[in-house]
Amino acid sequence: MADTVVRAHDLREYFHQALHAAAQAQRLRAEAATLWYLTDLLVRFSRSERFYDYTESGWRLRPLAELYGIALEAEQESERRRILQRMGDVALFVAGLFAGQLGRRGIDVDYYIAMGGTAYGVLSEMNAESVRDSALSCVFEDLAGRFVGFADVLAEIGEQRCERSDEQLLRLYELWQKTGSERLARKLRGHGIDPLPTTGRMQ
């Protein structure tokens, strides 16, 4: 029987190759450092205990607004940096892989785009405390400036090939209206729907 399970020690290389292919498919010229950062993000969040937070109420995903509040109150800049990074990472992961499920929870993907982009933007402007911080600031600037594009790259990886129902196509169109994602526009055209530019759409 063919081995279809990705082994743990191959996971990093698997995600890196998948990200590289997805970026090419999305026509996104991604910096090597940014792709490696996203590789590490996917490897890290492949373990649920690293994606969720352990709180007094048990394992749960903290709301982004709560994380932002904690970051603002942090006394140490290193702690503020850590929380903002988690905020950006969670927002990007959710916007990329779970955007289609957000509407059912009454949350729009543009909220995650705005919060994640803000977190990465603040990180890119913080004073570097180490060589690692200095290198990451360029990555954070890239992620902040092209958040939707990188969310599309993650979505390309996570998307399964399946027929879409009319309801799913409507949700796809609504997501395109909110994000202006070129990936979503191509998906819609593939289903015979030509999305037209509208005012108020995020770029």
Protein backbone atom coordinates (compact mmCIF):
# COMPACT_ATOMS: atom_id res chain seq x y z
CA MET A 1 0.00 0.00 0.00
CA ALA A 2 1.34 3.43 -0.90
CA ASP A 3 2.49 5.61 1.97
CA THR A 4 0.15 8.63 1.78
CA VAL A 5 0.96 9.96 5.25
CA VAL A 6 3.43 12.82 5.45
CA ARG A 7 6.01 11.85 8.04
CA ALA A 8 6.81 14.32 10.81
CA HIS A 9 10.41 14.85 9.72
CA ASP A 10 9.22 15.55 6.17
CA LEU A 11 6.51 18.00 7.20
CA ARG A 12 8.65 21.13 7.01
CA GLU A 13 9.93 20.31 3.53
CA TYR A 14 6.43 19.29 2.41
CA PHE A 15 4.92 22.60 3.50
CA HIS A 16 7.78 24.59 2.00
CA GLN A 17 7.35 22.94 -1.38
CA ALA A 18 3.57 23.39 -1.19
CA LEU A 19 3.95 27.08 -0.31
CA HIS A 20 6.39 27.65 -3.15
CA ALA A 21 4.02 25.99 -5.64
CA ALA A 22 1.00 27.88 -4.28
CA ALA A 23 2.82 31.22 -4.47
CA GLN A 24 3.68 30.51 -8.10
CA ALA A 25 0.08 29.53 -8.82
CA GLN A 26 -1.08 32.82 -7.27
CA ARG A 27 1.58 34.76 -9.21
CA LEU A 28 2.88 36.08 -5.90
CA ARG A 29 6.60 36.87 -5.89
CA ALA A 30 7.36 35.89 -2.32
CA GLU A 31 10.67 36.47 -0.58
CA ALA A 32 12.46 33.27 0.47
CA ALA A 33 12.50 34.38 4.12
CA THR A 34 8.74 34.93 4.06
CA LEU A 35 8.07 31.47 2.63
CA TRP A 36 10.26 29.88 5.31
CA TYR A 37 8.41 31.85 7.97
CA LEU A 38 5.08 30.56 6.64
CA THR A 39 6.53 27.06 6.51
CA ASP A 40 7.36 27.23 10.21
CA LEU A 41 3.89 28.67 10.91
CA LEU A 42 2.18 25.71 9.22
CA VAL A 43 4.41 23.17 10.97
CA ARG A 44 3.77 24.84 14.32
CA PHE A 45 0.00 25.05 13.90
CA SER A 46 -0.22 21.48 12.61
CA ARG A 47 -0.23 20.63 16.33
CA SER A 48 -3.51 21.82 17.85
CA GLU A 49 -1.94 22.59 21.23
CA ARG A 50 0.20 25.22 19.51
CA PHE A 51 -2.74 26.78 17.70
CA TYR A 52 -5.06 27.02 20.70
CA ASP A 53 -4.34 28.77 24.01
CA TYR A 54 -4.63 27.02 27.35
CA THR A 55 -6.68 29.26 29.63
CA GLU A 56 -8.62 28.94 32.87
CA SER A 57 -11.56 27.82 30.73
CA GLY A 58 -9.47 25.14 29.02
CA TRP A 59 -8.17 25.05 25.47
CA ARG A 60 -9.61 27.80 23.26
CA LEU A 61 -8.67 30.27 20.58
CA ARG A 62 -8.37 33.73 22.10
CA PRO A 63 -10.22 36.45 20.15
CA LEU A 64 -7.83 38.73 18.26
CA ALA A 65 -9.12 41.78 20.12
CA GLU A 66 -8.25 40.08 23.41
CA LEU A 67 -4.73 39.32 22.19
CA TYR A 68 -4.34 42.93 21.07
CA GLY A 69 -5.41 44.16 24.50
CA ILE A 70 -2.91 41.85 26.20
CA ALA A 71 -0.17 43.11 23.87
CA LEU A 72 -0.93 46.74 24.70
CA GLU A 73 -0.72 46.00 28.43
CA ALA A 74 2.52 44.01 28.21
CA GLU A 75 5.29 45.61 30.27
CA GLN A 76 8.17 44.04 28.36
CA GLU A 77 8.63 44.79 24.68
CA SER A 78 9.72 41.19 24.07
CA GLU A 79 6.38 40.00 25.47
CA ARG A 80 4.48 42.55 23.38
CA ARG A 81 6.36 41.35 20.31
CA ARG A 82 5.53 37.69 21.07
CA ILE A 83 1.80 38.38 21.48
CA LEU A 84 1.56 40.56 18.36
CA GLN A 85 3.33 37.85 16.39
CA ARG A 86 0.85 35.25 17.62
CA MET A 87 -2.01 37.60 16.75
CA GLY A 88 -0.75 38.05 13.21
CA ASP A 89 -0.03 34.34 12.77
CA VAL A 90 -3.46 33.23 14.01
CA ALA A 91 -5.22 35.84 11.85
CA LEU A 92 -3.32 34.77 8.73
CA PHE A 93 -3.86 31.06 9.42
CA VAL A 94 -7.60 31.51 9.93
CA ALA A 95 -8.06 33.95 7.01
CA GLY A 96 -6.23 31.54 4.73
CA LEU A 97 -7.58 28.16 5.78
CA PHE A 98 -10.93 28.86 7.43
CA ALA A 99 -12.29 31.97 5.67
CA GLY A 100 -15.26 30.03 4.32
CA GLN A 101 -16.37 29.04 7.83
CA LEU A 102 -16.17 32.49 9.42
CA GLY A 103 -19.53 33.70 8.09
CA ARG A 104 -21.33 30.93 9.96
CA ARG A 105 -19.91 32.32 13.18
CA GLY A 106 -20.95 35.88 12.39
CA ILE A 107 -17.38 37.03 11.78
CA ASP A 108 -16.15 38.48 8.48
CA VAL A 109 -12.79 37.61 7.00
CA ASP A 110 -11.99 41.32 6.59
CA TYR A 111 -11.80 41.55 10.40
CA TYR A 112 -9.01 38.95 10.40
CA ILE A 113 -7.30 40.69 7.50
CA ALA A 114 -7.37 44.05 9.28
CA MET A 115 -6.24 42.70 12.66
CA GLY A 116 -3.53 40.47 11.22
CA GLY A 117 -2.20 43.18 8.95
CA THR A 118 -2.12 45.61 11.88
CA ALA A 119 -0.21 43.17 14.08
CA TYR A 120 2.42 42.47 11.43
CA GLY A 121 2.65 46.17 10.59
CA VAL A 122 3.34 47.13 14.21
CA LEU A 123 5.93 44.34 14.47
CA SER A 124 7.75 45.57 11.37
CA GLU A 125 8.15 49.02 12.95
CA MET A 126 9.29 47.90 16.41
CA ASN A 127 12.92 48.38 17.37
CA ALA A 128 14.89 45.18 16.81
CA GLU A 129 16.33 43.72 20.01
CA SER A 130 18.35 41.02 18.25
CA VAL A 131 19.63 39.94 14.84
CA ARG A 132 16.62 37.61 14.61
CA ASP A 133 14.22 40.50 15.27
CA SER A 134 15.92 42.55 12.58
CA ALA A 135 15.57 39.75 10.02
CA LEU A 136 11.94 39.14 10.96
CA SER A 137 10.99 42.81 10.62
CA CYS A 138 11.37 42.50 6.83
CA VAL A 139 9.18 39.38 6.85
CA PHE A 140 6.54 41.13 8.93
CA GLU A 141 6.58 44.12 6.58
CA ASP A 142 6.03 41.76 3.64
CA LEU A 143 3.17 39.95 5.40
CA ALA A 144 1.52 43.23 6.44
CA GLY A 145 1.70 44.70 2.95
CA ARG A 146 0.41 41.62 1.13
CA PHE A 147 -1.73 39.93 3.77
CA VAL A 148 -4.54 38.97 1.38
CA GLY A 149 -2.05 37.53 -1.10
CA PHE A 150 -0.42 35.32 1.51
CA ALA A 151 -3.83 34.27 2.87
CA ASP A 152 -4.61 33.18 -0.69
CA VAL A 153 -1.42 31.11 -0.74
CA LEU A 154 -2.49 29.28 2.43
CA ALA A 155 -5.99 28.82 1.00
CA GLU A 156 -4.51 27.30 -2.15
CA ILE A 157 -2.79 24.67 0.00
CA GLY A 158 -5.80 23.90 2.14
CA GLU A 159 -8.42 23.84 -0.59
CA GLN A 160 -9.78 20.46 -1.57
CA ARG A 161 -10.92 19.80 -5.10
CA CYS A 162 -14.67 19.41 -4.87
CA GLU A 163 -17.82 20.61 -6.55
CA ARG A 164 -19.21 23.77 -5.00
CA SER A 165 -22.89 24.20 -4.20
CA ASP A 166 -24.76 27.41 -5.06
CA GLU A 167 -24.48 28.42 -1.40
CA GLN A 168 -20.71 27.89 -1.47
CA LEU A 169 -20.42 29.92 -4.67
CA LEU A 170 -22.38 32.75 -3.07
CA ARG A 171 -20.06 32.68 -0.07
CA LEU A 172 -17.07 32.66 -2.44
CA TYR A 173 -18.45 35.76 -4.18
CA GLU A 174 -19.06 37.49 -0.83
CA LEU A 175 -15.48 36.75 0.22
CA TRP A 176 -14.21 38.17 -3.07
CA GLN A 177 -16.25 41.36 -2.51
CA LYS A 178 -14.66 41.81 0.92
CA THR A 179 -11.07 40.95 0.03
CA GLY A 180 -10.63 41.67 -3.68
CA SER A 181 -8.64 38.42 -3.85
CA GLU A 182 -7.46 37.62 -7.36
CA ARG A 183 -7.41 33.92 -6.45
CA LEU A 184 -11.12 34.04 -5.60
CA ALA A 185 -11.83 35.99 -8.80
CA ARG A 186 -10.17 33.21 -10.83
CA LYS A 187 -12.18 30.58 -8.94
CA LEU A 188 -15.40 32.43 -9.72
CA ARG A 189 -14.52 32.75 -13.41
CA GLY A 190 -13.82 29.01 -13.42
CA HIS A 191 -17.44 28.51 -12.37
CA GLY A 192 -18.73 30.88 -15.06
CA ILE A 193 -19.10 33.92 -12.78
CA ASP A 194 -17.31 37.10 -13.87
CA PRO A 195 -16.85 39.28 -10.77
CA LEU A 196 -17.19 43.00 -11.44
CA PRO A 197 -15.32 45.65 -9.41
CA THR A 198 -17.39 47.27 -6.66
CA THR A 199 -16.77 50.27 -4.47
CA GLY A 200 -15.71 49.73 -0.88
CA ARG A 201 -13.75 46.59 -1.64
CA MET A 202 -10.45 46.07 0.19
CA GLN A 203 -7.35 46.12 -1.99
